[in-house]
Amino acid sequence: MIELLQKAVDMGGSDLFVVPGAEVTVKVHGRMEKLTAEKIKPADAQRLIGQMYELAHRDMARLDKEGDDDFSFAVLHVSRFRCNAYRQRGSLAAICRIVNFELPDPKSMHIPDIVMNLADQRSGMILVTGAAGSGKSTTLACMVDQINKTRSAHIVTIEDPIEYLHRHNLSLVSQREVPNDALTFSRALRAALRQAPDVVLLGEMRDLDTVRTAITAAETGHLLLSSLHTIGAAKTVDRIIDTFPAEQQAQIRVQLSMVLKAVVSQRLVPTVDGGREPVFEVMTVNAAIQNMIRDGRTYQIDNAIYGGSDKTMLSMDAELQRLVREKRITRDTALLYAANPETLAKRI
């Protein structure tokens, strides 16, 4: 297993796949590359996954009981890995995300200053959204690291599992992992409010109880950073509101309009040189956006971002247009990932 993980890291891979009936495979810049000459059998997959659990010093009880399990581990001089093991068609499979030991550098990750400047906020809620594997955890880790380096605070992170390890710097950083350090996200979040936090990083808002507690945390003067599997600011706002029963949604719109400070949406797009680069949309909540959220006019948010002159906003389509102009992506790629392909085609 260590040899396969080393190969994946050496190739610059992002994910390693161990699935019975297929070769062990690594994803490199969005393309699948085979690491083994032969397809692996269920017994081979079970042996390799058992080695992952040994590296993580973890027993397989949760996997056996629930059918899937999230965990992380590190291999000395290789990398850290965030893994999901699961049962499929009666056999075991696993995917390992490769995470560097060192915290990422925002410049090298092409995270714009407008995103990093959001870390200067002292209270409220900032959400980073996007599809799985789009780099949300990396962006959040960069924001936490900036806070850690620039101000004196207590940062509490609640993750499943922990990906990036933060050293104490100007701030103190407490990192809790679900379910090893806390049973659930909502329980850990409620406990965090009694731990004198200045900043809370919530790995993901998964259920109604967690969302409700997160809004309360943001209302009580804390800075709360979290992620959602949505694409676009308007869809993110709608997703949060739709989590609540219909009779509570009007009140939640009012609360959310007051606590939400920004929504960052990101996607990874293929570049002309065979790599991938993140493209960002940033919605900062000004008075106009507040009114749209409160009044249920979220359908107007995209126009406010795309057509506005506010320097604190960033439109994904405008960013795609910029990358085409700089010859870093093709026109076809831009139109494929655009929110409004017809409008973008005219602008290009």
Foldseek 3Di string as FASTA:
>chain_A
DVVLLQVLVVLQFFKWKQDAPAATWTQHQNDIDGDDPDGHHLVRQVVVVVVVCVQQVHDCVCCVVPFKAWDKGADPPGFIWTKMWGADPRGIIMMIGTAHQDQDDCVVQVNDVLLLCVLVDQFFEEEEEAAPPFCSVSSVSSSVQVCQAPAEWEEEEEEAADGYDDDRHSYHYHYHYPPPRPPDLLVVLVVVVVVRGREYEYAAQDALSNLVSQLVRRVVRHYYYYYYHDADDLVVLVVSLVRDPPVCSLVVLLSNLVRHAKYKYWGWFAWPVSHTHIFIWMDGRDPVNSVCSNVVVSVCRLCCQVVPPDPSTDHRLVRLLVCCVVRGHPLVRSLVPHPDNVVSVVVD
